């Protein structure tokens, strides 16, 4: 599970950075990397955006509940690690 957690975290970070760039500079890094202009998509960009969304959902249902429990310690070794 550690690998999946790390992958999900990296995808969410990419998504957050991309949204920050969109908000600050009206520049879509993901679109630019795959040959599109701001506001347009192709199959590859839609896959990347979809994976970012799925990663967010995954982290929301696995890591977030562990973080909200007061008696737990979150580790990326597994979705739920208690101390």
PDB file of N, CA and C in Angstrom:
ATOM      1  N   UNK A   1       0.804  -1.208   0.000  1.00  0.00           N
ATOM      2  CA  UNK A   1       0.000   0.000   0.000  1.00  0.00           C
ATOM      3  C   UNK A   1       0.842   1.265   0.000  1.00  0.00           C
ATOM      4  N   UNK A   2       2.079   1.167   0.474  1.00  0.00           N
ATOM      5  CA  UNK A   2       2.902   2.370   0.545  1.00  0.00           C
ATOM      6  C   UNK A   2       3.055   3.005  -0.832  1.00  0.00           C
ATOM      7  N   UNK A   3       3.298   2.197  -1.845  1.00  0.00           N
ATOM      8  CA  UNK A   3       3.471   2.728  -3.197  1.00  0.00           C
ATOM      9  C   UNK A   3       2.232   3.444  -3.703  1.00  0.00           C
ATOM     10  N   UNK A   4       1.068   2.859  -3.458  1.00  0.00           N
ATOM     11  CA  UNK A   4      -0.184   3.489  -3.889  1.00  0.00           C
ATOM     12  C   UNK A   4      -0.421   4.798  -3.150  1.00  0.00           C
ATOM     13  N   UNK A   5      -0.115   4.845  -1.866  1.00  0.00           N
ATOM     14  CA  UNK A   5      -0.272   6.079  -1.099  1.00  0.00           C
ATOM     15  C   UNK A   5       0.644   7.177  -1.623  1.00  0.00           C
ATOM     16  N   UNK A   6       1.888   6.828  -1.916  1.00  0.00           N
ATOM     17  CA  UNK A   6       2.844   7.809  -2.424  1.00  0.00           C
ATOM     18  C   UNK A   6       2.413   8.305  -3.806  1.00  0.00           C
ATOM     19  N   UNK A   7       1.978   7.392  -4.668  1.00  0.00           N
ATOM     20  CA  UNK A   7       1.505   7.776  -5.997  1.00  0.00           C
ATOM     21  C   UNK A   7       0.307   8.713  -5.886  1.00  0.00           C
ATOM     22  N   UNK A   8      -0.633   8.372  -5.030  1.00  0.00           N
ATOM     23  CA  UNK A   8      -1.809   9.223  -4.846  1.00  0.00           C
ATOM     24  C   UNK A   8      -1.408  10.604  -4.334  1.00  0.00           C
ATOM     25  N   UNK A   9      -0.485  10.646  -3.390  1.00  0.00           N
ATOM     26  CA  UNK A   9      -0.030  11.934  -2.860  1.00  0.00           C
ATOM     27  C   UNK A   9       0.647  12.761  -3.952  1.00  0.00           C
ATOM     28  N   UNK A  10       1.484  12.146  -4.753  1.00  0.00           N
ATOM     29  CA  UNK A  10       2.146  12.870  -5.839  1.00  0.00           C
ATOM     30  C   UNK A  10       1.138  13.418  -6.849  1.00  0.00           C
ATOM     31  N   UNK A  11       0.138  12.622  -7.185  1.00  0.00           N
ATOM     32  CA  UNK A  11      -0.886  13.094  -8.122  1.00  0.00           C
ATOM     33  C   UNK A  11      -1.675  14.263  -7.540  1.00  0.00           C
ATOM     34  N   UNK A  12      -1.993  14.200  -6.261  1.00  0.00           N
ATOM     35  CA  UNK A  12      -2.726  15.298  -5.632  1.00  0.00           C
ATOM     36  C   UNK A  12      -1.859  16.560  -5.580  1.00  0.00           C
ATOM     37  N   UNK A  13      -0.573  16.399  -5.332  1.00  0.00           N
ATOM     38  CA  UNK A  13       0.334  17.548  -5.330  1.00  0.00           C
ATOM     39  C   UNK A  13       0.401  18.168  -6.731  1.00  0.00           C
ATOM     40  N   UNK A  14       0.511  17.342  -7.760  1.00  0.00           N
ATOM     41  CA  UNK A  14       0.516  17.849  -9.134  1.00  0.00           C
ATOM     42  C   UNK A  14      -0.771  18.625  -9.405  1.00  0.00           C
ATOM     43  N   UNK A  15      -1.897  18.060  -8.994  1.00  0.00           N
ATOM     44  CA  UNK A  15      -3.174  18.738  -9.198  1.00  0.00           C
ATOM     45  C   UNK A  15      -3.251  20.063  -8.457  1.00  0.00           C
ATOM     46  N   UNK A  16      -2.773  20.073  -7.223  1.00  0.00           N
ATOM     47  CA  UNK A  16      -2.804  21.313  -6.440  1.00  0.00           C
ATOM     48  C   UNK A  16      -1.894  22.372  -7.055  1.00  0.00           C
ATOM     49  N   UNK A  17      -0.705  21.975  -7.461  1.00  0.00           N
ATOM     50  CA  UNK A  17       0.201  22.930  -8.102  1.00  0.00           C
ATOM     51  C   UNK A  17      -0.397  23.452  -9.408  1.00  0.00           C
ATOM     52  N   UNK A  18      -1.013  22.565 -10.169  1.00  0.00           N
ATOM     53  CA  UNK A  18      -1.628  22.983 -11.425  1.00  0.00           C
ATOM     54  C   UNK A  18      -2.743  24.001 -11.174  1.00  0.00           C
ATOM     55  N   UNK A  19      -3.605  23.735 -10.187  1.00  0.00           N
ATOM     56  CA  UNK A  19      -4.677  24.675  -9.866  1.00  0.00           C
ATOM     57  C   UNK A  19      -4.118  26.004  -9.372  1.00  0.00           C
ATOM     58  N   UNK A  20      -3.023  25.959  -8.619  1.00  0.00           N
ATOM     59  CA  UNK A  20      -2.389  27.202  -8.177  1.00  0.00           C
ATOM     60  C   UNK A  20      -1.884  28.019  -9.356  1.00  0.00           C
ATOM     61  N   UNK A  21      -1.271  27.343 -10.322  1.00  0.00           N
ATOM     62  CA  UNK A  21      -0.796  28.032 -11.524  1.00  0.00           C
ATOM     63  C   UNK A  21      -1.954  28.601 -12.336  1.00  0.00           C
ATOM     64  N   UNK A  22      -3.050  27.866 -12.405  1.00  0.00           N
ATOM     65  CA  UNK A  22      -4.230  28.351 -13.116  1.00  0.00           C
ATOM     66  C   UNK A  22      -4.765  29.607 -12.430  1.00  0.00           C
ATOM     67  N   UNK A  23      -4.855  29.579 -11.112  1.00  0.00           N
ATOM     68  CA  UNK A  23      -5.401  30.716 -10.372  1.00  0.00           C
ATOM     69  C   UNK A  23      -4.494  31.945 -10.452  1.00  0.00           C
ATOM     70  N   UNK A  24      -3.196  31.729 -10.322  1.00  0.00           N
ATOM     71  CA  UNK A  24      -2.280  32.869 -10.271  1.00  0.00           C
ATOM     72  C   UNK A  24      -1.902  33.421 -11.643  1.00  0.00           C
ATOM     73  N   UNK A  25      -1.727  32.525 -12.614  1.00  0.00           N
ATOM     74  CA  UNK A  25      -1.165  32.954 -13.894  1.00  0.00           C
ATOM     75  C   UNK A  25      -2.013  32.573 -15.108  1.00  0.00           C
ATOM     76  N   UNK A  26      -3.183  31.975 -14.878  1.00  0.00           N
ATOM     77  CA  UNK A  26      -4.020  31.466 -15.968  1.00  0.00           C
ATOM     78  C   UNK A  26      -3.180  30.602 -16.917  1.00  0.00           C
ATOM     79  N   UNK A  27      -2.388  29.713 -16.313  1.00  0.00           N
ATOM     80  CA  UNK A  27      -1.516  28.817 -17.068  1.00  0.00           C
ATOM     81  C   UNK A  27      -1.721  27.398 -16.580  1.00  0.00           C
ATOM     82  N   UNK A  28      -2.091  26.524 -17.486  1.00  0.00           N
ATOM     83  CA  UNK A  28      -2.381  25.128 -17.164  1.00  0.00           C
ATOM     84  C   UNK A  28      -1.164  24.279 -17.525  1.00  0.00           C
ATOM     85  N   UNK A  29      -0.390  23.892 -16.519  1.00  0.00           N
ATOM     86  CA  UNK A  29       0.832  23.124 -16.725  1.00  0.00           C
ATOM     87  C   UNK A  29       0.557  21.783 -17.399  1.00  0.00           C
ATOM     88  N   UNK A  30      -0.476  21.082 -16.960  1.00  0.00           N
ATOM     89  CA  UNK A  30      -0.787  19.765 -17.534  1.00  0.00           C
ATOM     90  C   UNK A  30      -1.128  19.906 -19.014  1.00  0.00           C
ATOM     91  N   UNK A  31      -1.962  20.876 -19.351  1.00  0.00           N
ATOM     92  CA  UNK A  31      -2.309  21.096 -20.760  1.00  0.00           C
ATOM     93  C   UNK A  31      -1.068  21.439 -21.569  1.00  0.00           C
ATOM     94  N   UNK A  32      -0.230  22.300 -21.029  1.00  0.00           N
ATOM     95  CA  UNK A  32       0.999  22.710 -21.716  1.00  0.00           C
ATOM     96  C   UNK A  32       1.922  21.519 -21.967  1.00  0.00           C
ATOM     97  N   UNK A  33       2.076  20.655 -20.971  1.00  0.00           N
ATOM     98  CA  UNK A  33       2.953  19.491 -21.116  1.00  0.00           C
ATOM     99  C   UNK A  33       2.498  18.547 -22.223  1.00  0.00           C
ATOM    100  N   UNK A  34       1.184  18.519 -22.475  1.00  0.00           N
ATOM    101  CA  UNK A  34       0.654  17.587 -23.471  1.00  0.00           C
ATOM    102  C   UNK A  34       0.142  18.288 -24.720  1.00  0.00           C
ATOM    103  N   UNK A  35       0.696  19.483 -25.003  1.00  0.00           N
ATOM    104  CA  UNK A  35       0.446  20.133 -26.277  1.00  0.00           C
ATOM    105  C   UNK A  35      -0.872  20.860 -26.418  1.00  0.00           C
ATOM    106  N   UNK A  36      -1.522  21.189 -25.343  1.00  0.00           N
ATOM    107  CA  UNK A  36      -2.785  21.905 -25.402  1.00  0.00           C
ATOM    108  C   UNK A  36      -2.598  23.318 -24.858  1.00  0.00           C
ATOM    109  N   UNK A  37      -3.544  24.168 -25.149  1.00  0.00           N
ATOM    110  CA  UNK A  37      -3.519  25.519 -24.598  1.00  0.00           C
ATOM    111  C   UNK A  37      -4.485  25.594 -23.418  1.00  0.00           C
ATOM    112  N   UNK A  38      -4.427  26.683 -22.697  1.00  0.00           N
ATOM    113  CA  UNK A  38      -5.258  26.866 -21.504  1.00  0.00           C
ATOM    114  C   UNK A  38      -6.735  26.650 -21.845  1.00  0.00           C
ATOM    115  N   UNK A  39      -7.372  25.815 -21.049  1.00  0.00           N
ATOM    116  CA  UNK A  39      -8.805  25.589 -21.225  1.00  0.00           C
ATOM    117  C   UNK A  39      -9.175  24.510 -22.219  1.00  0.00           C
ATOM    118  N   UNK A  40      -8.193  23.899 -22.858  1.00  0.00           N
ATOM    119  CA  UNK A  40      -8.497  22.817 -23.800  1.00  0.00           C
ATOM    120  C   UNK A  40      -7.927  21.505 -23.266  1.00  0.00           C
ATOM    121  N   UNK A  41      -8.495  20.420 -23.741  1.00  0.00           N
ATOM    122  CA  UNK A  41      -8.054  19.102 -23.284  1.00  0.00           C
ATOM    123  C   UNK A  41      -7.905  18.158 -24.470  1.00  0.00           C
ATOM    124  N   UNK A  42      -7.167  17.101 -24.229  1.00  0.00           N
ATOM    125  CA  UNK A  42      -7.118  15.978 -25.154  1.00  0.00           C
ATOM    126  C   UNK A  42      -7.246  14.715 -24.302  1.00  0.00           C
ATOM    127  N   UNK A  43      -7.142  13.577 -24.917  1.00  0.00           N
ATOM    128  CA  UNK A  43      -7.336  12.318 -24.186  1.00  0.00           C
ATOM    129  C   UNK A  43      -6.337  12.188 -23.033  1.00  0.00           C
ATOM    130  N   UNK A  44      -5.078  12.536 -23.279  1.00  0.00           N
ATOM    131  CA  UNK A  44      -4.046  12.371 -22.262  1.00  0.00           C
ATOM    132  C   UNK A  44      -4.292  13.308 -21.076  1.00  0.00           C
ATOM    133  N   UNK A  45      -4.614  14.569 -21.347  1.00  0.00           N
ATOM    134  CA  UNK A  45      -4.856  15.499 -20.237  1.00  0.00           C
ATOM    135  C   UNK A  45      -6.077  15.081 -19.430  1.00  0.00           C
ATOM    136  N   UNK A  46      -7.099  14.580 -20.109  1.00  0.00           N
ATOM    137  CA  UNK A  46      -8.286  14.118 -19.385  1.00  0.00           C
ATOM    138  C   UNK A  46      -7.950  12.921 -18.497  1.00  0.00           C
ATOM    139  N   UNK A  47      -7.076  12.047 -18.951  1.00  0.00           N
ATOM    140  CA  UNK A  47      -6.633  10.914 -18.130  1.00  0.00           C
ATOM    141  C   UNK A  47      -5.879  11.424 -16.906  1.00  0.00           C
ATOM    142  N   UNK A  48      -4.965  12.380 -17.108  1.00  0.00           N
ATOM    143  CA  UNK A  48      -4.213  12.936 -15.982  1.00  0.00           C
ATOM    144  C   UNK A  48      -5.168  13.584 -14.989  1.00  0.00           C
ATOM    145  N   UNK A  49      -6.099  14.410 -15.459  1.00  0.00           N
ATOM    146  CA  UNK A  49      -7.054  15.060 -14.559  1.00  0.00           C
ATOM    147  C   UNK A  49      -7.903  14.017 -13.828  1.00  0.00           C
ATOM    148  N   UNK A  50      -8.293  12.960 -14.535  1.00  0.00           N
ATOM    149  CA  UNK A  50      -9.073  11.890 -13.907  1.00  0.00           C
ATOM    150  C   UNK A  50      -8.280  11.166 -12.832  1.00  0.00           C
ATOM    151  N   UNK A  51      -7.008  10.884 -13.105  1.00  0.00           N
ATOM    152  CA  UNK A  51      -6.163  10.227 -12.104  1.00  0.00           C
ATOM    153  C   UNK A  51      -5.961  11.118 -10.875  1.00  0.00           C
ATOM    154  N   UNK A  52      -5.809  12.420 -11.093  1.00  0.00           N
ATOM    155  CA  UNK A  52      -5.687  13.349  -9.968  1.00  0.00           C
ATOM    156  C   UNK A  52      -6.958  13.306  -9.119  1.00  0.00           C
ATOM    157  N   UNK A  53      -8.105  13.303  -9.772  1.00  0.00           N
ATOM    158  CA  UNK A  53      -9.376  13.222  -9.047  1.00  0.00           C
ATOM    159  C   UNK A  53      -9.516  11.921  -8.276  1.00  0.00           C
ATOM    160  N   UNK A  54      -9.169  10.815  -8.903  1.00  0.00           N
ATOM    161  CA  UNK A  54      -9.231   9.518  -8.217  1.00  0.00           C
ATOM    162  C   UNK A  54      -8.264   9.469  -7.039  1.00  0.00           C
ATOM    163  N   UNK A  55      -7.087  10.065  -7.204  1.00  0.00           N
ATOM    164  CA  UNK A  55      -6.118  10.105  -6.109  1.00  0.00           C
ATOM    165  C   UNK A  55      -6.666  10.905  -4.936  1.00  0.00           C
ATOM    166  N   UNK A  56      -7.342  12.000  -5.232  1.00  0.00           N
ATOM    167  CA  UNK A  56      -7.958  12.795  -4.168  1.00  0.00           C
ATOM    168  C   UNK A  56      -9.020  12.015  -3.421  1.00  0.00           C
ATOM    169  N   UNK A  57      -9.838  11.289  -4.154  1.00  0.00           N
ATOM    170  CA  UNK A  57     -10.870  10.458  -3.522  1.00  0.00           C
ATOM    171  C   UNK A  57     -10.220   9.373  -2.671  1.00  0.00           C
ATOM    172  N   UNK A  58      -9.205   8.719  -3.220  1.00  0.00           N
ATOM    173  CA  UNK A  58      -8.491   7.665  -2.492  1.00  0.00           C
ATOM    174  C   UNK A  58      -7.936   8.193  -1.174  1.00  0.00           C
ATOM    175  N   UNK A  59      -7.247   9.337  -1.225  1.00  0.00           N
ATOM    176  CA  UNK A  59      -6.681   9.896  -0.003  1.00  0.00           C
ATOM    177  C   UNK A  59      -7.771  10.333   0.965  1.00  0.00           C
ATOM    178  N   UNK A  60      -8.872  10.829   0.435  1.00  0.00           N
ATOM    179  CA  UNK A  60      -9.974  11.267   1.300  1.00  0.00           C
ATOM    180  C   UNK A  60     -10.599  10.111   2.069  1.00  0.00           C
ATOM    181  N   UNK A  61     -10.639   8.924   1.468  1.00  0.00           N
ATOM    182  CA  UNK A  61     -11.275   7.795   2.159  1.00  0.00           C
ATOM    183  C   UNK A  61     -10.292   6.910   2.914  1.00  0.00           C
ATOM    184  N   UNK A  62      -8.991   7.074   2.674  1.00  0.00           N
ATOM    185  CA  UNK A  62      -8.021   6.245   3.386  1.00  0.00           C
ATOM    186  C   UNK A  62      -7.201   7.027   4.400  1.00  0.00           C
ATOM    187  N   UNK A  63      -6.583   8.096   3.979  1.00  0.00           N
ATOM    188  CA  UNK A  63      -5.678   8.838   4.860  1.00  0.00           C
ATOM    189  C   UNK A  63      -6.419   9.843   5.723  1.00  0.00           C
ATOM    190  N   UNK A  64      -7.362  10.574   5.152  1.00  0.00           N
ATOM    191  CA  UNK A  64      -8.074  11.605   5.913  1.00  0.00           C
ATOM    192  C   UNK A  64      -8.764  11.064   7.164  1.00  0.00           C
ATOM    193  N   UNK A  65      -9.505   9.952   7.087  1.00  0.00           N
ATOM    194  CA  UNK A  65     -10.121   9.441   8.320  1.00  0.00           C
ATOM    195  C   UNK A  65      -9.089   9.108   9.403  1.00  0.00           C
ATOM    196  N   UNK A  66      -7.936   8.583   9.003  1.00  0.00           N
ATOM    197  CA  UNK A  66      -6.890   8.277   9.977  1.00  0.00           C
ATOM    198  C   UNK A  66      -6.361   9.553  10.620  1.00  0.00           C
ATOM    199  N   UNK A  67      -6.252  10.607   9.830  1.00  0.00           N
ATOM    200  CA  UNK A  67      -5.770  11.879  10.370  1.00  0.00           C
ATOM    201  C   UNK A  67      -6.770  12.488  11.351  1.00  0.00           C
ATOM    202  N   UNK A  68      -8.040  12.262  11.110  1.00  0.00           N
ATOM    203  CA  UNK A  68      -9.072  12.864  11.944  1.00  0.00           C
ATOM    204  C   UNK A  68      -9.257  12.157  13.282  1.00  0.00           C
ATOM    205  N   UNK A  69      -8.794  10.906  13.370  1.00  0.00           N
ATOM    206  CA  UNK A  69      -8.856  10.199  14.647  1.00  0.00           C
ATOM    207  C   UNK A  69      -7.785  10.765  15.565  1.00  0.00           C
ATOM    208  N   UNK A  70      -8.161  11.143  16.748  1.00  0.00           N
ATOM    209  CA  UNK A  70      -7.216  11.794  17.655  1.00  0.00           C
ATOM    210  C   UNK A  70      -6.160  10.843  18.190  1.00  0.00           C
ATOM    211  N   UNK A  71      -6.432   9.544  18.172  1.00  0.00           N
ATOM    212  CA  UNK A  71      -5.488   8.589  18.745  1.00  0.00           C
ATOM    213  C   UNK A  71      -4.632   7.894  17.691  1.00  0.00           C
ATOM    214  N   UNK A  72      -4.495   8.495  16.521  1.00  0.00           N
ATOM    215  CA  UNK A  72      -3.768   7.794  15.463  1.00  0.00           C
ATOM    216  C   UNK A  72      -2.610   8.619  14.937  1.00  0.00           C
ATOM    217  N   UNK A  73      -1.716   7.919  14.281  1.00  0.00           N
ATOM    218  CA  UNK A  73      -0.574   8.527  13.610  1.00  0.00           C
ATOM    219  C   UNK A  73      -0.646   8.098  12.147  1.00  0.00           C
ATOM    220  N   UNK A  74      -0.604   9.045  11.234  1.00  0.00           N
ATOM    221  CA  UNK A  74      -0.707   8.726   9.819  1.00  0.00           C
ATOM    222  C   UNK A  74       0.678   8.453   9.253  1.00  0.00           C
ATOM    223  N   UNK A  75       0.785   7.354   8.534  1.00  0.00           N
ATOM    224  CA  UNK A  75       2.017   6.988   7.869  1.00  0.00           C
ATOM    225  C   UNK A  75       1.670   6.566   6.454  1.00  0.00           C
ATOM    226  N   UNK A  76       2.577   6.789   5.521  1.00  0.00           N
ATOM    227  CA  UNK A  76       2.315   6.359   4.164  1.00  0.00           C
ATOM    228  C   UNK A  76       2.722   4.910   3.941  1.00  0.00           C
ATOM    229  N   UNK A  77       3.035   4.195   5.032  1.00  0.00           N
ATOM    230  CA  UNK A  77       3.298   2.768   4.918  1.00  0.00           C
ATOM    231  C   UNK A  77       2.022   1.998   4.655  1.00  0.00           C
ATOM    232  N   UNK A  78       0.920   2.443   5.229  1.00  0.00           N
ATOM    233  CA  UNK A  78      -0.372   1.804   5.016  1.00  0.00           C
ATOM    234  C   UNK A  78      -1.440   2.870   5.208  1.00  0.00           C
ATOM    235  N   UNK A  79      -2.655   2.638   4.679  1.00  0.00           N
ATOM    236  CA  UNK A  79      -3.693   3.648   4.816  1.00  0.00           C
ATOM    237  C   UNK A  79      -4.056   3.950   6.258  1.00  0.00           C
ATOM    238  N   UNK A  80      -3.862   2.979   7.169  1.00  0.00           N
ATOM    239  CA  UNK A  80      -4.281   3.183   8.547  1.00  0.00           C
ATOM    240  C   UNK A  80      -3.242   2.607   9.493  1.00  0.00           C
ATOM    241  N   UNK A  81      -2.531   3.470  10.163  1.00  0.00           N
ATOM    242  CA  UNK A  81      -1.532   3.033  11.139  1.00  0.00           C
ATOM    243  C   UNK A  81      -1.832   3.731  12.448  1.00  0.00           C
ATOM    244  N   UNK A  82      -1.991   2.957  13.506  1.00  0.00           N
ATOM    245  CA  UNK A  82      -2.260   3.554  14.811  1.00  0.00           C
ATOM    246  C   UNK A  82      -1.043   3.414  15.694  1.00  0.00           C
ATOM    247  N   UNK A  83      -0.935   4.330  16.632  1.00  0.00           N
ATOM    248  CA  UNK A  83       0.196   4.265  17.550  1.00  0.00           C
ATOM    249  C   UNK A  83      -0.258   3.988  18.955  1.00  0.00           C
TER     250      UNK A  83
END
